[in-house]
Protein backbone atom coordinates (compact mmCIF):
# COMPACT_ATOMS: atom_id res chain seq x y z
CA MET A 1 -10.46 8.54 -31.44
CA LYS A 2 -10.20 11.33 -29.41
CA PHE A 3 -11.70 12.59 -26.31
CA SER A 4 -12.22 16.09 -24.69
CA PRO A 5 -13.74 17.06 -21.40
CA ASP A 6 -16.02 19.65 -23.97
CA ASP A 7 -17.82 15.79 -25.41
CA LEU A 8 -18.99 15.46 -21.95
CA ASN A 9 -22.52 15.60 -21.26
CA PRO A 10 -22.71 18.05 -17.66
CA ASP A 11 -25.29 15.59 -16.74
CA GLN A 12 -22.96 13.00 -16.71
CA ALA A 13 -21.01 12.01 -13.67
CA PHE A 14 -17.86 9.98 -13.39
CA SER A 15 -16.11 8.11 -10.70
CA TYR A 16 -12.67 6.78 -10.98
CA ALA A 17 -12.49 4.00 -7.89
CA PHE A 18 -9.10 3.62 -6.92
CA LYS A 19 -7.43 0.76 -5.06
CA PRO A 20 -6.26 1.94 -1.36
CA ARG A 21 -2.58 2.22 -1.22
CA ILE A 22 -0.44 1.09 1.72
CA GLY A 23 1.21 4.69 1.84
CA ILE A 24 4.53 4.11 1.38
CA LYS A 25 7.91 4.43 -0.80
CA ALA A 26 10.36 1.78 -0.64
CA GLN A 27 13.76 0.76 -2.07
CA ASP A 28 15.77 -2.21 -1.84
CA THR A 29 18.92 -3.24 -0.03
CA GLU A 30 22.63 -3.67 -1.08
CA ASN A 31 21.88 -7.26 1.04
CA ASP A 32 18.93 -8.16 -0.11
CA LYS A 33 17.53 -8.51 3.44
CA GLY A 34 14.53 -6.41 3.30
CA VAL A 35 13.64 -2.84 2.01
CA LYS A 36 13.67 0.23 3.10
CA VAL A 37 11.34 2.53 3.59
CA LEU A 38 11.84 6.02 2.27
CA GLU A 39 8.57 7.98 2.64
CA VAL A 40 5.48 7.16 4.16
CA ASP A 41 2.37 8.94 3.09
CA SER A 42 0.96 10.86 6.29
CA ASP A 43 -2.41 9.51 6.80
CA SER A 44 -1.77 6.32 4.80
CA PRO A 45 -2.92 3.19 6.65
CA ALA A 46 1.17 2.49 6.90
CA ASP A 47 1.25 5.54 8.46
CA LYS A 48 -2.02 4.82 10.80
CA ALA A 49 -0.06 1.25 11.54
CA GLY A 50 2.76 3.74 12.89
CA ILE A 51 5.39 2.83 9.86
CA LYS A 52 8.36 4.92 9.38
CA GLU A 53 10.67 6.52 7.34
CA ASP A 54 14.31 4.39 7.60
CA ASP A 55 12.08 0.88 8.91
CA LEU A 56 13.54 -2.05 7.22
CA ILE A 57 10.64 -4.12 6.12
CA THR A 58 11.62 -7.85 6.47
CA SER A 59 8.83 -9.84 5.95
CA PHE A 60 5.16 -9.48 4.40
CA ASP A 61 2.16 -11.71 5.79
CA GLY A 62 4.95 -14.24 6.71
CA ILE A 63 6.65 -14.04 3.39
CA GLU A 64 10.17 -12.88 3.45
CA VAL A 65 11.02 -9.91 1.25
CA SER A 66 13.89 -9.39 -0.49
CA SER A 67 13.27 -6.61 -3.16
CA ALA A 68 10.66 -3.51 -3.32
CA ASP A 69 9.07 -5.13 -6.54
CA GLN A 70 8.29 -8.03 -4.41
CA LEU A 71 6.74 -5.86 -1.65
CA ALA A 72 4.61 -4.32 -4.35
CA LYS A 73 3.52 -7.67 -5.63
CA LEU A 74 2.52 -8.83 -1.98
CA SER A 75 0.76 -5.74 -1.25
CA ARG A 76 -1.23 -5.95 -4.59
CA ASP A 77 -1.84 -9.07 -3.78
CA ALA A 78 -3.11 -8.96 -0.48
CA LYS A 79 -5.19 -5.59 -1.68
CA ASP A 80 -6.73 -7.70 -4.20
CA ALA A 81 -7.83 -10.54 -2.15
CA LYS A 82 -11.55 -10.02 -0.92
CA ASP A 83 -11.41 -11.50 2.52
CA LYS A 84 -7.92 -10.03 3.48
CA SER A 85 -8.81 -7.12 5.94
CA SER A 86 -5.30 -6.28 7.35
CA MET A 87 -1.65 -7.18 6.71
CA LYS A 88 0.74 -7.91 9.08
CA ILE A 89 4.61 -6.79 8.75
CA GLN A 90 7.84 -7.74 10.17
CA LEU A 91 10.41 -4.66 10.69
CA LYS A 92 13.45 -3.38 12.39
CA ARG A 93 13.38 -0.22 13.62
CA GLY A 94 17.18 0.82 15.78
CA GLY A 95 17.88 -2.73 15.25
CA LYS A 96 15.02 -4.24 16.74
CA SER A 97 12.32 -6.41 15.29
CA GLN A 98 8.48 -5.81 15.52
CA THR A 99 5.32 -6.64 13.76
CA ILE A 100 2.81 -3.86 12.58
CA GLU A 101 -0.69 -4.54 11.15
CA ILE A 102 -1.41 -2.80 8.51
CA LYS A 103 -5.84 -2.48 8.43
CA ILE A 104 -6.83 -2.72 4.05
CA PRO A 105 -9.74 0.41 4.22
CA LYS A 106 -12.94 -1.27 2.77
CA LYS A 107 -13.73 -0.55 -0.79
CA LEU A 108 -16.75 1.94 -0.66
CA LYS A 109 -19.21 2.22 -3.15
CA THR A 110 -21.31 5.28 -4.32
CA ALA A 111 -23.91 5.63 -6.37
CA ASN A 112 -25.45 8.63 -8.52
CA LEU A 113 -29.18 8.15 -8.19
């Protein structure tokens, strides 16, 4: 089956619900003790919480982090939890440890009436 934009009825409205992202790009470290933040998307939940490039994330919601894949899974699981409104991230910046709370944007629904 092929689908083309020409097949759409102009009276139909489509909306896509994307899950909110934390807004970071992270990389494994050689010693498997945390993940290094490579980029922070501007105006993302991570940016608003104060996460910076070169931060070393060491734990996510109390779970020690050893790889970027693990951090991605923990983040997805937290975003899928219906009663979760924030995540606590332990990180190192300039050799000092700190805890940052990232607020999860509420999923807003829309309707065309």
